[in-house]
Each structure stands twice: as structure tokens, then as C-alpha cells.
Protein backbone atom coordinates (compact mmCIF):
# COMPACT_ATOMS: atom_id res chain seq x y z
CA MET A 1 11.66 -26.17 -180.82
CA ARG A 2 8.75 -27.35 -183.55
CA ARG A 3 6.57 -24.79 -181.45
CA LEU A 4 9.19 -21.69 -182.34
CA ALA A 5 8.15 -23.01 -185.74
CA ALA A 6 4.59 -23.05 -184.94
CA VAL A 7 4.20 -19.90 -183.31
CA LEU A 8 6.56 -18.18 -185.97
CA ALA A 9 4.56 -19.03 -188.30
CA LEU A 10 1.29 -18.21 -186.50
CA ALA A 11 2.64 -14.67 -185.69
CA ALA A 12 3.46 -14.33 -189.59
CA LEU A 13 -0.17 -15.03 -190.96
CA GLY A 14 -1.57 -12.77 -188.61
CA ALA A 15 -0.04 -10.44 -190.22
CA CYS A 16 -0.58 -11.09 -193.56
CA GLY A 17 -3.25 -8.73 -195.57
CA GLU A 18 -6.00 -9.75 -198.37
CA VAL A 19 -5.24 -13.35 -199.48
CA ASN A 20 -4.56 -13.46 -203.09
CA GLU A 21 -2.60 -16.84 -204.60
CA VAL A 22 0.94 -16.78 -204.11
CA ASP A 23 3.59 -19.01 -205.46
CA GLY A 24 7.09 -19.36 -204.08
CA GLY A 25 7.14 -15.89 -201.82
CA LYS A 26 5.95 -14.10 -204.19
CA GLY A 27 2.96 -12.10 -205.16
CA ALA A 28 -0.04 -12.84 -207.11
CA ASP A 29 1.31 -10.70 -209.36
CA GLY A 30 4.18 -13.20 -209.33
CA ALA A 31 7.12 -9.41 -208.09
CA PRO A 32 9.00 -11.44 -205.47
CA ALA A 33 7.49 -10.18 -202.02
CA SER A 34 8.05 -6.78 -200.51
CA GLY A 35 8.91 -5.64 -196.91
CA TYR A 36 11.01 -7.46 -194.81
CA THR A 37 12.23 -11.15 -194.56
CA LEU A 38 12.72 -12.80 -190.95
CA GLU A 39 14.22 -15.97 -190.58
CA VAL A 40 14.99 -18.20 -187.84
CA ARG A 41 17.71 -21.30 -187.44
CA ALA A 42 17.32 -22.90 -184.19
CA ASP A 43 18.87 -26.47 -183.01
CA PRO A 44 19.26 -27.48 -179.76
CA GLY A 45 22.13 -25.50 -179.05
CA GLN A 46 22.18 -22.19 -181.11
CA GLN A 47 19.29 -20.42 -182.66
CA THR A 48 19.97 -17.55 -185.26
CA TYR A 49 17.83 -14.59 -185.85
CA LEU A 50 18.10 -13.14 -189.86
CA ILE A 51 16.30 -9.73 -191.04
CA THR A 52 16.70 -8.52 -194.97
CA THR A 53 15.63 -4.92 -195.42
CA PRO A 54 13.14 -3.93 -198.45
CA GLU A 55 16.69 -1.96 -199.39
CA GLY A 56 18.66 -5.33 -198.97
CA ARG A 57 20.69 -5.52 -196.66
CA THR A 58 20.95 -8.53 -193.77
CA VAL A 59 21.29 -8.04 -189.84
CA GLY A 60 21.83 -11.10 -187.88
CA ALA A 61 22.28 -12.19 -184.20
CA ARG A 62 23.02 -15.69 -182.77
CA ALA A 63 22.15 -16.87 -179.00
CA ALA A 64 23.48 -20.16 -178.19
CA GLU A 65 24.38 -21.45 -174.18
CA GLY A 66 22.67 -18.17 -172.66
CA ALA A 67 24.33 -15.86 -174.65
CA SER A 68 23.88 -13.93 -177.53
CA MET A 69 25.54 -11.05 -179.61
CA MET A 70 25.09 -9.54 -183.45
CA MET A 71 26.86 -10.97 -186.12
CA ASP A 72 28.59 -9.14 -189.06
CA GLU A 73 26.37 -7.74 -192.07
CA ARG A 74 29.23 -10.23 -194.09
CA ARG A 75 28.15 -13.07 -192.66
CA ALA A 76 24.19 -12.65 -191.40
CA SER A 77 24.10 -12.19 -195.20
CA ALA A 78 25.93 -15.22 -196.54
CA LEU A 79 24.33 -16.91 -194.18
CA PHE A 80 20.71 -15.27 -195.20
CA ALA A 81 21.63 -16.54 -199.04
CA ASP A 82 22.11 -20.55 -198.15
CA PRO A 83 19.08 -21.94 -196.41
CA PRO A 84 20.60 -25.41 -194.08
CA SER A 85 21.30 -28.30 -196.32
CA PHE A 86 17.83 -30.11 -193.58
CA ALA A 87 15.81 -27.94 -195.76
CA ALA A 88 16.30 -29.88 -198.89
CA SER A 89 13.34 -32.73 -199.03
CA ALA A 90 13.63 -36.01 -197.71
CA PRO A 91 11.15 -38.86 -199.92
CA GLU A 92 7.52 -37.53 -199.63
CA VAL A 93 5.09 -39.70 -197.43
CA MET A 94 2.27 -37.59 -197.31
CA ALA A 95 1.46 -34.11 -198.73
CA LEU A 96 -1.52 -31.22 -198.70
CA ARG A 97 -1.57 -28.84 -201.62
CA LEU A 98 -3.70 -25.96 -201.79
CA PRO A 99 -3.36 -22.80 -203.84
CA GLY A 100 -1.50 -20.83 -201.29
CA PHE A 101 -0.71 -23.80 -198.97
CA ASP A 102 1.84 -26.91 -199.39
CA LEU A 103 2.55 -29.14 -197.27
CA SER A 104 4.69 -31.96 -196.98
CA ILE A 105 5.76 -34.53 -194.52
CA GLY A 106 9.29 -36.48 -195.52
CA ALA A 107 10.66 -39.73 -193.89
CA GLU A 108 13.56 -42.32 -195.31
CA GLU A 109 12.15 -45.45 -196.32
CA GLU A 110 13.54 -47.34 -193.99
CA ASN A 111 12.52 -45.58 -191.18
CA ALA A 112 8.97 -44.32 -192.39
CA GLU A 113 7.33 -45.41 -188.89
CA GLY A 114 10.58 -43.91 -186.57
CA ASP A 115 11.51 -41.27 -185.03
CA ASN A 116 12.69 -39.39 -187.10
CA GLY A 117 11.09 -37.40 -190.14
CA ARG A 118 10.66 -34.22 -192.21
CA VAL A 119 7.56 -31.73 -192.55
CA HIS A 120 7.87 -28.32 -194.70
CA LEU A 121 4.83 -25.87 -194.58
CA SER A 122 4.68 -22.87 -197.29
CA LEU A 123 1.80 -20.56 -197.00
CA GLY A 124 1.67 -17.46 -198.85
CA ARG A 125 -1.10 -14.63 -199.09
CA ALA A 126 -0.77 -10.88 -200.87
CA GLY A 127 3.04 -10.70 -201.32
CA GLN A 128 3.42 -12.34 -198.04
CA GLY A 129 4.13 -16.06 -196.88
CA VAL A 130 6.28 -17.92 -194.88
CA GLN A 131 8.46 -21.41 -195.35
CA VAL A 132 8.82 -23.26 -192.47
CA PHE A 133 10.53 -26.70 -192.12
CA ALA A 134 11.09 -29.23 -189.11
CA ASP A 135 13.90 -31.93 -188.89
CA GLU A 136 12.94 -34.27 -186.01
CA GLY A 137 15.93 -35.77 -186.33
CA GLY A 138 15.12 -39.52 -184.06
CA PRO A 139 13.86 -39.40 -180.58
CA GLY A 140 14.70 -37.16 -178.01
CA ASP A 141 15.10 -33.73 -178.95
CA GLU A 142 18.89 -33.23 -179.40
CA ASP A 143 18.32 -33.68 -182.64
CA ASP A 144 15.71 -32.25 -184.10
CA ARG A 145 16.47 -28.50 -186.06
CA ALA A 146 13.81 -26.40 -187.47
CA TYR A 147 13.96 -23.28 -190.21
CA VAL A 148 11.08 -20.79 -190.48
CA ARG A 149 11.51 -17.91 -193.41
CA ILE A 150 8.89 -15.04 -192.93
CA SER A 151 8.70 -13.15 -196.58
CA GLY A 152 6.78 -9.29 -196.61
CA ALA A 153 6.91 -9.05 -192.84
CA ASP A 154 6.52 -5.22 -191.83
CA GLU A 155 7.92 -3.00 -189.83
CA ALA A 156 5.23 -3.61 -186.70
CA THR A 157 6.13 -6.96 -187.47
CA VAL A 158 10.04 -6.70 -187.71
CA ARG A 159 9.95 -5.20 -184.48
CA ASP A 160 7.13 -7.86 -182.68
CA PHE A 161 9.74 -10.35 -184.35
CA ILE A 162 12.78 -9.33 -182.02
CA SER A 163 10.76 -8.57 -179.16
CA ASP A 164 9.66 -11.99 -179.61
CA ALA A 165 13.42 -13.44 -179.68
CA ASP A 166 13.34 -13.78 -175.92
CA LYS A 167 17.18 -16.37 -176.56
CA LEU A 168 18.68 -12.56 -177.37
CA SER A 169 19.36 -10.50 -174.77
CA ALA A 170 17.60 -7.23 -174.21
CA ASP A 171 21.20 -5.35 -175.16
CA VAL A 172 21.14 -7.92 -178.71
CA ARG A 173 17.22 -7.10 -179.11
CA ALA A 174 17.83 -3.11 -178.88
CA GLU A 175 21.14 -3.45 -181.16
CA MET A 176 19.30 -5.75 -184.12
CA LEU A 177 17.04 -2.60 -184.39
CA ALA A 178 18.87 -0.05 -184.06
CA ALA A 179 20.69 -1.05 -187.08
CA LEU A 180 16.97 -1.41 -188.24
CA GLY A 181 16.78 2.10 -187.57
CA LEU A 182 13.54 0.76 -186.08
CA SER A 183 14.45 1.85 -182.53
CA THR A 184 11.99 4.09 -181.81
CA PRO A 185 8.09 3.31 -183.18
């Protein structure tokens, strides 16, 4: 789970262009990020993949227990507009903030040295941004969750994102590309 969040964040950074400071997914000029927005929500039981086009249309798919399927567009749009509740920060234990970079680590005081905690990582460049929330629920992986949102992605990055979604069947990945009008490069 944590590897998924880290890999997605690194892939998104590789897709970023020239360096400019951003704030909360906005470009250097303060305008909202342009391009596609990609989102993954993962917990041990299922993964949800959401892609919003520059025009605001959302396409989604879910994978659980070895099966995957497309989501209804209304449901995908509603889910995209509602970040998961665990994305709210726990009390901050450590933070590092630089222009275009924000890392915070949180934990509940009564278990600050224990097996649970939350990490929030925010990166941004030239109208592109990456938000990563990881929640280590406790010992073991059965209650761990991750939420990754990448904004300002281009079509090639969207194709790679879908291609790398190995929890989705080949048919569902093809359906996602077709729904986005990206079937042929």
C-alpha cells in the first residue's frame, strides 16, 4: 500500500515540467491546475481509480478481490468531490514545509510511538500537484489506507496511469481509455 502511494507520487513528479511554486494544486499564477486529475484510493479490500478530464467529466473504476468494473459516472463524480475522511490530519508530530513541498506526519498523542499514524505529502510544480495521504492504522496491513491525487497530468501520463493500474482487468483498463477518448495514442 505504502509502495503504491510512493510509486504514484514519484511517477507524477517525473511528469512535471519546469519548476514554479504552487499552492494547493494551483499554478504559479494562482489559477487552478490544468490537465487531467488522477486519483487512487486504496485499502486492503479494494482500490478505486478516478480520472477527471480538463472539461470536468469523471471516469472511475474499482477493483476488489480479483475482480474489477467501471463505475457509474455520477458515482465517480460524487466520490471524486468527497475526499476520504482519513485524509483529515491527525495532530502533527513533525512537519517540513518548503516552497512547493509540504510534508507532515501526524499521530494521536496516546499512541505517538505506536504502530499507527498518518502522513500527508503535498508537492507542486508549474500547475501540477501531487497530494498523498497514507494512514497506517495499526499493526499489520489490514487497516492501512492510502489516497493519492495527481493534478495537471497530460494524456500520456493518463495512459501510463491506467496501464499501471494492475488491479484492474485489461478489459476495464480499455474501457477507461475509451471513456476518456484516449484509446489510440
